[in-house]
Amino acid sequence: GKYKEALDIFMALQQTALRKNGEIFLEAAQCKTMLKAPKAEIMALLDSAVCVQRGVASAPYVLARGRAYDSDGEYHKAFRDYLVYDSLMSGRGSDDFYYIKYKCEVNIRQYQIALNDIAHAIVLNPREPVYYAEMASLQLRVNQPDKAVQTCNLALRLPDADSLSDLYIIKGVALCETGKKEEGLDCLRTANEKGDSRAQKLIDKYNKK
């Protein structure tokens, strides 16, 4: 936890031959983050981490900078770094990467790209029910309720999915919106039984229709 002392060491190392290694700049940026330094100082170090190495070697630093932009709400800048990282990795990122890229794309309303990326995350990790819930939610948002139901059905076959009430909420709304009101209400009642506070309002809404 001695971030100031660590920062001083990393800054000193930038004056040595190790300055050609982006890790020195990344570690310094992380120390500054913990010390609550101005954002501009942190981003300058991340820029240096990206620039000192070329090609695939720069990939982890491009991703780190993208995540920093993302956490600061600069989603378009984050999106550009995520695209660069994906290219450097030749599309071989982890499921977690495609999930954070998906969330960034939703924030900038790049919905089709986001759907592609959350689908990619599912291919890489087909046993994570949260990914299915995210995909179904976006499918519902872009007026693809039938696909949202299909995605929820796939998720609900997973052993850990039953506890995720989001799937029942999304499926219930999607069914109600496609005219399958009773099936939809059954899903919403299940979500209500699981303690989801949104369910009763939705049940009341669709009962009035």
C-alpha atoms as a PDB file:
ATOM      1  CA  GLY A   1       0.000   0.000   0.000  1.00  0.00           C
ATOM      2  CA  LYS A   2       2.996   2.387  -0.162  1.00  0.00           C
ATOM      3  CA  TYR A   3       1.883   3.850  -3.477  1.00  0.00           C
ATOM      4  CA  LYS A   4       3.945   7.056  -3.275  1.00  0.00           C
ATOM      5  CA  GLU A   5       7.158   5.110  -2.697  1.00  0.00           C
ATOM      6  CA  ALA A   6       6.258   2.671  -5.477  1.00  0.00           C
ATOM      7  CA  LEU A   7       5.454   5.565  -7.830  1.00  0.00           C
ATOM      8  CA  ASP A   8       8.833   7.166  -7.178  1.00  0.00           C
ATOM      9  CA  ILE A   9      10.556   3.889  -8.089  1.00  0.00           C
ATOM     10  CA  PHE A  10       8.539   3.407 -11.273  1.00  0.00           C
ATOM     11  CA  MET A  11       9.173   7.022 -12.319  1.00  0.00           C
ATOM     12  CA  ALA A  12      12.913   6.517 -11.728  1.00  0.00           C
ATOM     13  CA  LEU A  13      12.868   3.331 -13.810  1.00  0.00           C
ATOM     14  CA  GLN A  14      11.486   5.345 -16.723  1.00  0.00           C
ATOM     15  CA  GLN A  15      14.918   6.959 -16.978  1.00  0.00           C
ATOM     16  CA  THR A  16      16.607   3.575 -17.495  1.00  0.00           C
ATOM     17  CA  ALA A  17      16.604   1.022 -20.306  1.00  0.00           C
ATOM     18  CA  LEU A  18      13.352  -0.335 -18.864  1.00  0.00           C
ATOM     19  CA  ARG A  19      11.558   2.722 -20.282  1.00  0.00           C
ATOM     20  CA  LYS A  20      11.034   0.643 -23.431  1.00  0.00           C
ATOM     21  CA  ASN A  21       8.688  -1.610 -21.464  1.00  0.00           C
ATOM     22  CA  GLY A  22       5.096  -0.371 -21.198  1.00  0.00           C
ATOM     23  CA  GLU A  23       4.640  -2.147 -17.870  1.00  0.00           C
ATOM     24  CA  ILE A  24       6.711   0.521 -16.087  1.00  0.00           C
ATOM     25  CA  PHE A  25       4.301   3.229 -17.240  1.00  0.00           C
ATOM     26  CA  LEU A  26       1.217   1.119 -16.513  1.00  0.00           C
ATOM     27  CA  GLU A  27       2.351   0.422 -12.954  1.00  0.00           C
ATOM     28  CA  ALA A  28       3.069   4.116 -12.430  1.00  0.00           C
ATOM     29  CA  ALA A  29      -0.414   4.954 -13.724  1.00  0.00           C
ATOM     30  CA  GLN A  30      -1.944   2.466 -11.304  1.00  0.00           C
ATOM     31  CA  CYS A  31      -0.022   4.029  -8.413  1.00  0.00           C
ATOM     32  CA  LYS A  32      -1.267   7.473  -9.429  1.00  0.00           C
ATOM     33  CA  THR A  33      -4.797   6.110  -9.596  1.00  0.00           C
ATOM     34  CA  MET A  34      -4.522   4.855  -6.022  1.00  0.00           C
ATOM     35  CA  LEU A  35      -3.094   8.238  -4.992  1.00  0.00           C
ATOM     36  CA  LYS A  36      -6.073   9.976  -6.652  1.00  0.00           C
ATOM     37  CA  ALA A  37      -3.830  11.997  -8.957  1.00  0.00           C
ATOM     38  CA  PRO A  38      -5.386  14.220 -11.659  1.00  0.00           C
ATOM     39  CA  LYS A  39      -6.877  12.189 -14.501  1.00  0.00           C
ATOM     40  CA  ALA A  40      -4.661  13.908 -17.067  1.00  0.00           C
ATOM     41  CA  GLU A  41      -1.513  12.640 -15.316  1.00  0.00           C
ATOM     42  CA  ILE A  42      -2.824   9.088 -15.242  1.00  0.00           C
ATOM     43  CA  MET A  43      -3.845   9.156 -18.910  1.00  0.00           C
ATOM     44  CA  ALA A  44      -0.449  10.580 -19.916  1.00  0.00           C
ATOM     45  CA  LEU A  45       1.242   7.560 -18.344  1.00  0.00           C
ATOM     46  CA  LEU A  46      -1.188   5.187 -20.054  1.00  0.00           C
ATOM     47  CA  ASP A  47      -0.500   6.933 -23.380  1.00  0.00           C
ATOM     48  CA  SER A  48       3.209   6.339 -22.798  1.00  0.00           C
ATOM     49  CA  ALA A  49       2.566   2.683 -21.948  1.00  0.00           C
ATOM     50  CA  VAL A  50       0.765   2.276 -25.278  1.00  0.00           C
ATOM     51  CA  CYS A  51       3.403   4.092 -27.328  1.00  0.00           C
ATOM     52  CA  VAL A  52       6.691   2.609 -26.098  1.00  0.00           C
ATOM     53  CA  GLN A  53       5.990  -0.784 -27.674  1.00  0.00           C
ATOM     54  CA  ARG A  54       4.566  -1.711 -31.057  1.00  0.00           C
ATOM     55  CA  GLY A  55       2.204  -4.369 -32.305  1.00  0.00           C
ATOM     56  CA  VAL A  56       0.878  -7.148 -30.099  1.00  0.00           C
ATOM     57  CA  ALA A  57       3.202  -6.122 -27.247  1.00  0.00           C
ATOM     58  CA  SER A  58       1.160  -2.925 -26.819  1.00  0.00           C
ATOM     59  CA  ALA A  59      -2.167  -4.777 -26.565  1.00  0.00           C
ATOM     60  CA  PRO A  60      -2.470  -4.984 -22.740  1.00  0.00           C
ATOM     61  CA  TYR A  61      -1.730  -1.271 -22.444  1.00  0.00           C
ATOM     62  CA  VAL A  62      -4.262  -0.343 -25.133  1.00  0.00           C
ATOM     63  CA  LEU A  63      -6.824  -2.358 -23.169  1.00  0.00           C
ATOM     64  CA  ALA A  64      -5.844  -0.711 -19.883  1.00  0.00           C
ATOM     65  CA  ARG A  65      -6.230   2.745 -21.426  1.00  0.00           C
ATOM     66  CA  GLY A  66      -9.572   1.756 -22.946  1.00  0.00           C
ATOM     67  CA  ARG A  67     -10.844   0.581 -19.585  1.00  0.00           C
ATOM     68  CA  ALA A  68      -9.666   3.839 -17.984  1.00  0.00           C
ATOM     69  CA  TYR A  69     -11.588   5.845 -20.593  1.00  0.00           C
ATOM     70  CA  ASP A  70     -14.581   3.573 -20.069  1.00  0.00           C
ATOM     71  CA  SER A  71     -14.633   4.008 -16.290  1.00  0.00           C
ATOM     72  CA  ASP A  72     -14.416   7.781 -16.802  1.00  0.00           C
ATOM     73  CA  GLY A  73     -17.446   7.796 -19.106  1.00  0.00           C
ATOM     74  CA  GLU A  74     -15.438   8.594 -22.254  1.00  0.00           C
ATOM     75  CA  TYR A  75     -17.090   5.780 -24.144  1.00  0.00           C
ATOM     76  CA  HIS A  76     -16.158   6.776 -27.701  1.00  0.00           C
ATOM     77  CA  LYS A  77     -12.455   6.879 -26.794  1.00  0.00           C
ATOM     78  CA  ALA A  78     -12.814   3.576 -24.961  1.00  0.00           C
ATOM     79  CA  PHE A  79     -14.540   2.056 -27.989  1.00  0.00           C
ATOM     80  CA  ARG A  80     -11.654   3.075 -30.264  1.00  0.00           C
ATOM     81  CA  ASP A  81      -9.128   1.452 -27.931  1.00  0.00           C
ATOM     82  CA  TYR A  82     -11.235  -1.694 -27.686  1.00  0.00           C
ATOM     83  CA  LEU A  83     -11.304  -1.916 -31.487  1.00  0.00           C
ATOM     84  CA  VAL A  84      -7.514  -1.542 -31.623  1.00  0.00           C
ATOM     85  CA  TYR A  85      -7.048  -4.174 -28.914  1.00  0.00           C
ATOM     86  CA  ASP A  86      -9.377  -6.591 -30.702  1.00  0.00           C
ATOM     87  CA  SER A  87      -7.404  -6.083 -33.919  1.00  0.00           C
ATOM     88  CA  LEU A  88      -4.050  -6.558 -32.181  1.00  0.00           C
ATOM     89  CA  MET A  89      -5.357  -9.778 -30.639  1.00  0.00           C
ATOM     90  CA  SER A  90      -6.739 -10.953 -34.009  1.00  0.00           C
ATOM     91  CA  GLY A  91     -10.175 -11.439 -32.424  1.00  0.00           C
ATOM     92  CA  ARG A  92      -8.825 -13.719 -29.703  1.00  0.00           C
ATOM     93  CA  GLY A  93      -9.843 -11.676 -26.659  1.00  0.00           C
ATOM     94  CA  SER A  94     -11.424 -13.256 -23.588  1.00  0.00           C
ATOM     95  CA  ASP A  95     -15.156 -13.481 -22.940  1.00  0.00           C
ATOM     96  CA  ASP A  96     -14.704 -10.792 -20.272  1.00  0.00           C
ATOM     97  CA  PHE A  97     -13.185  -8.458 -22.892  1.00  0.00           C
ATOM     98  CA  TYR A  98     -16.125  -8.895 -25.274  1.00  0.00           C
ATOM     99  CA  TYR A  99     -18.488  -8.311 -22.369  1.00  0.00           C
ATOM    100  CA  ILE A 100     -16.915  -4.973 -21.407  1.00  0.00           C
ATOM    101  CA  LYS A 101     -16.724  -4.016 -25.100  1.00  0.00           C
ATOM    102  CA  TYR A 102     -20.417  -4.869 -25.431  1.00  0.00           C
ATOM    103  CA  LYS A 103     -21.338  -2.641 -22.475  1.00  0.00           C
ATOM    104  CA  CYS A 104     -19.343   0.239 -23.938  1.00  0.00           C
ATOM    105  CA  GLU A 105     -21.087  -0.187 -27.297  1.00  0.00           C
ATOM    106  CA  VAL A 106     -24.498  -0.093 -25.653  1.00  0.00           C
ATOM    107  CA  ASN A 107     -23.510   3.230 -24.078  1.00  0.00           C
ATOM    108  CA  ILE A 108     -22.769   4.707 -27.512  1.00  0.00           C
ATOM    109  CA  ARG A 109     -25.799   3.006 -29.102  1.00  0.00           C
ATOM    110  CA  GLN A 110     -23.803   0.745 -31.397  1.00  0.00           C
ATOM    111  CA  TYR A 111     -26.412  -1.921 -30.864  1.00  0.00           C
ATOM    112  CA  GLN A 112     -25.663  -4.301 -33.732  1.00  0.00           C
ATOM    113  CA  ILE A 113     -21.962  -4.438 -32.905  1.00  0.00           C
ATOM    114  CA  ALA A 114     -22.910  -4.909 -29.247  1.00  0.00           C
ATOM    115  CA  LEU A 115     -25.150  -7.866 -30.119  1.00  0.00           C
ATOM    116  CA  ASN A 116     -22.304  -9.427 -32.098  1.00  0.00           C
ATOM    117  CA  ASP A 117     -19.893  -8.993 -29.186  1.00  0.00           C
ATOM    118  CA  ILE A 118     -22.178 -10.383 -26.495  1.00  0.00           C
ATOM    119  CA  ALA A 119     -22.840 -13.345 -28.813  1.00  0.00           C
ATOM    120  CA  HIS A 120     -19.058 -13.799 -29.083  1.00  0.00           C
ATOM    121  CA  ALA A 121     -18.760 -13.712 -25.285  1.00  0.00           C
ATOM    122  CA  ILE A 122     -21.408 -16.464 -25.099  1.00  0.00           C
ATOM    123  CA  VAL A 123     -19.522 -18.606 -27.612  1.00  0.00           C
ATOM    124  CA  LEU A 124     -16.367 -18.250 -25.505  1.00  0.00           C
ATOM    125  CA  ASN A 125     -18.161 -18.906 -22.216  1.00  0.00           C
ATOM    126  CA  PRO A 126     -21.544 -20.548 -22.877  1.00  0.00           C
ATOM    127  CA  ARG A 127     -22.161 -21.311 -19.196  1.00  0.00           C
ATOM    128  CA  GLU A 128     -22.389 -17.680 -18.006  1.00  0.00           C
ATOM    129  CA  PRO A 129     -26.111 -16.822 -17.676  1.00  0.00           C
ATOM    130  CA  VAL A 130     -25.452 -13.091 -17.254  1.00  0.00           C
ATOM    131  CA  TYR A 131     -24.286 -12.898 -20.876  1.00  0.00           C
ATOM    132  CA  TYR A 132     -27.562 -14.391 -22.094  1.00  0.00           C
ATOM    133  CA  ALA A 133     -29.553 -11.981 -19.928  1.00  0.00           C
ATOM    134  CA  GLU A 134     -27.609  -9.041 -21.357  1.00  0.00           C
ATOM    135  CA  MET A 135     -28.154 -10.262 -24.918  1.00  0.00           C
ATOM    136  CA  ALA A 136     -31.868 -10.861 -24.381  1.00  0.00           C
ATOM    137  CA  SER A 137     -32.261  -7.447 -22.763  1.00  0.00           C
ATOM    138  CA  LEU A 138     -30.691  -5.730 -25.763  1.00  0.00           C
ATOM    139  CA  GLN A 139     -32.708  -7.831 -28.206  1.00  0.00           C
ATOM    140  CA  LEU A 140     -35.836  -6.652 -26.423  1.00  0.00           C
ATOM    141  CA  ARG A 141     -34.574  -3.073 -26.548  1.00  0.00           C
ATOM    142  CA  VAL A 142     -34.067  -3.187 -30.331  1.00  0.00           C
ATOM    143  CA  ASN A 143     -37.512  -4.730 -30.893  1.00  0.00           C
ATOM    144  CA  GLN A 144     -36.494  -8.357 -31.322  1.00  0.00           C
ATOM    145  CA  PRO A 145     -38.787  -9.904 -28.665  1.00  0.00           C
ATOM    146  CA  ASP A 146     -38.934 -13.349 -30.313  1.00  0.00           C
ATOM    147  CA  LYS A 147     -35.138 -13.582 -30.270  1.00  0.00           C
ATOM    148  CA  ALA A 148     -35.116 -12.365 -26.660  1.00  0.00           C
ATOM    149  CA  VAL A 149     -37.404 -15.262 -25.683  1.00  0.00           C
ATOM    150  CA  GLN A 150     -35.151 -17.747 -27.509  1.00  0.00           C
ATOM    151  CA  THR A 151     -32.068 -16.374 -25.737  1.00  0.00           C
ATOM    152  CA  CYS A 152     -33.763 -16.607 -22.339  1.00  0.00           C
ATOM    153  CA  ASN A 153     -34.814 -20.185 -23.057  1.00  0.00           C
ATOM    154  CA  LEU A 154     -31.212 -21.114 -23.867  1.00  0.00           C
ATOM    155  CA  ALA A 155     -30.023 -19.486 -20.654  1.00  0.00           C
ATOM    156  CA  LEU A 156     -32.628 -21.158 -18.470  1.00  0.00           C
ATOM    157  CA  ARG A 157     -31.203 -24.564 -19.413  1.00  0.00           C
ATOM    158  CA  LEU A 158     -27.997 -23.676 -17.584  1.00  0.00           C
ATOM    159  CA  PRO A 159     -27.587 -25.048 -14.034  1.00  0.00           C
ATOM    160  CA  ASP A 160     -26.999 -21.642 -12.407  1.00  0.00           C
ATOM    161  CA  ALA A 161     -29.523 -19.630 -14.410  1.00  0.00           C
ATOM    162  CA  ASP A 162     -32.661 -20.304 -12.380  1.00  0.00           C
ATOM    163  CA  SER A 163     -31.590 -17.877  -9.670  1.00  0.00           C
ATOM    164  CA  LEU A 164     -31.213 -15.017 -12.199  1.00  0.00           C
ATOM    165  CA  SER A 165     -34.597 -13.297 -12.089  1.00  0.00           C
ATOM    166  CA  ASP A 166     -33.609 -10.971 -14.957  1.00  0.00           C
ATOM    167  CA  LEU A 167     -34.186 -13.857 -17.366  1.00  0.00           C
ATOM    168  CA  TYR A 168     -37.784 -14.263 -16.182  1.00  0.00           C
ATOM    169  CA  ILE A 169     -38.396 -10.513 -16.315  1.00  0.00           C
ATOM    170  CA  ILE A 170     -37.044 -10.203 -19.859  1.00  0.00           C
ATOM    171  CA  LYS A 171     -38.795 -13.325 -21.097  1.00  0.00           C
ATOM    172  CA  GLY A 172     -42.044 -12.258 -19.447  1.00  0.00           C
ATOM    173  CA  VAL A 173     -42.008  -8.805 -21.031  1.00  0.00           C
ATOM    174  CA  ALA A 174     -41.019 -10.218 -24.429  1.00  0.00           C
ATOM    175  CA  LEU A 175     -43.866 -12.760 -24.362  1.00  0.00           C
ATOM    176  CA  CYS A 176     -46.394 -10.126 -23.305  1.00  0.00           C
ATOM    177  CA  GLU A 177     -45.210  -7.827 -26.089  1.00  0.00           C
ATOM    178  CA  THR A 178     -45.671 -10.577 -28.689  1.00  0.00           C
ATOM    179  CA  GLY A 179     -49.234 -11.328 -27.594  1.00  0.00           C
ATOM    180  CA  LYS A 180     -48.479 -14.340 -25.391  1.00  0.00           C
ATOM    181  CA  LYS A 181     -49.805 -12.603 -22.319  1.00  0.00           C
ATOM    182  CA  GLU A 182     -50.537 -15.587 -20.065  1.00  0.00           C
ATOM    183  CA  GLU A 183     -47.135 -17.176 -20.683  1.00  0.00           C
ATOM    184  CA  GLY A 184     -45.524 -13.819 -20.075  1.00  0.00           C
ATOM    185  CA  LEU A 185     -47.410 -13.254 -16.828  1.00  0.00           C
ATOM    186  CA  ASP A 186     -46.355 -16.698 -15.612  1.00  0.00           C
ATOM    187  CA  CYS A 187     -42.696 -15.694 -16.119  1.00  0.00           C
ATOM    188  CA  LEU A 188     -43.257 -12.404 -14.316  1.00  0.00           C
ATOM    189  CA  ARG A 189     -44.930 -14.219 -11.414  1.00  0.00           C
ATOM    190  CA  THR A 190     -41.890 -16.486 -11.172  1.00  0.00           C
ATOM    191  CA  ALA A 191     -39.662 -13.399 -11.002  1.00  0.00           C
ATOM    192  CA  ASN A 192     -41.942 -11.999  -8.306  1.00  0.00           C
ATOM    193  CA  GLU A 193     -41.629 -15.210  -6.289  1.00  0.00           C
ATOM    194  CA  LYS A 194     -37.865 -14.838  -6.524  1.00  0.00           C
ATOM    195  CA  GLY A 195     -38.159 -11.431  -4.889  1.00  0.00           C
ATOM    196  CA  ASP A 196     -37.605  -9.208  -7.937  1.00  0.00           C
ATOM    197  CA  SER A 197     -39.096  -5.818  -7.049  1.00  0.00           C
ATOM    198  CA  ARG A 198     -39.805  -4.980 -10.712  1.00  0.00           C
ATOM    199  CA  ALA A 199     -42.106  -7.930 -11.287  1.00  0.00           C
ATOM    200  CA  GLN A 200     -45.319  -6.789  -9.578  1.00  0.00           C
ATOM    201  CA  LYS A 201     -45.385  -3.452 -11.422  1.00  0.00           C
ATOM    202  CA  LEU A 202     -45.010  -5.290 -14.718  1.00  0.00           C
ATOM    203  CA  ILE A 203     -47.702  -7.790 -13.767  1.00  0.00           C
ATOM    204  CA  ASP A 204     -50.070  -4.905 -12.969  1.00  0.00           C
ATOM    205  CA  LYS A 205     -49.148  -3.169 -16.235  1.00  0.00           C
ATOM    206  CA  TYR A 206     -49.861  -6.154 -18.466  1.00  0.00           C
ATOM    207  CA  ASN A 207     -52.980  -7.196 -16.541  1.00  0.00           C
ATOM    208  CA  LYS A 208     -54.501  -3.853 -17.519  1.00  0.00           C
ATOM    209  CA  LYS A 209     -53.882  -4.437 -21.227  1.00  0.00           C
END
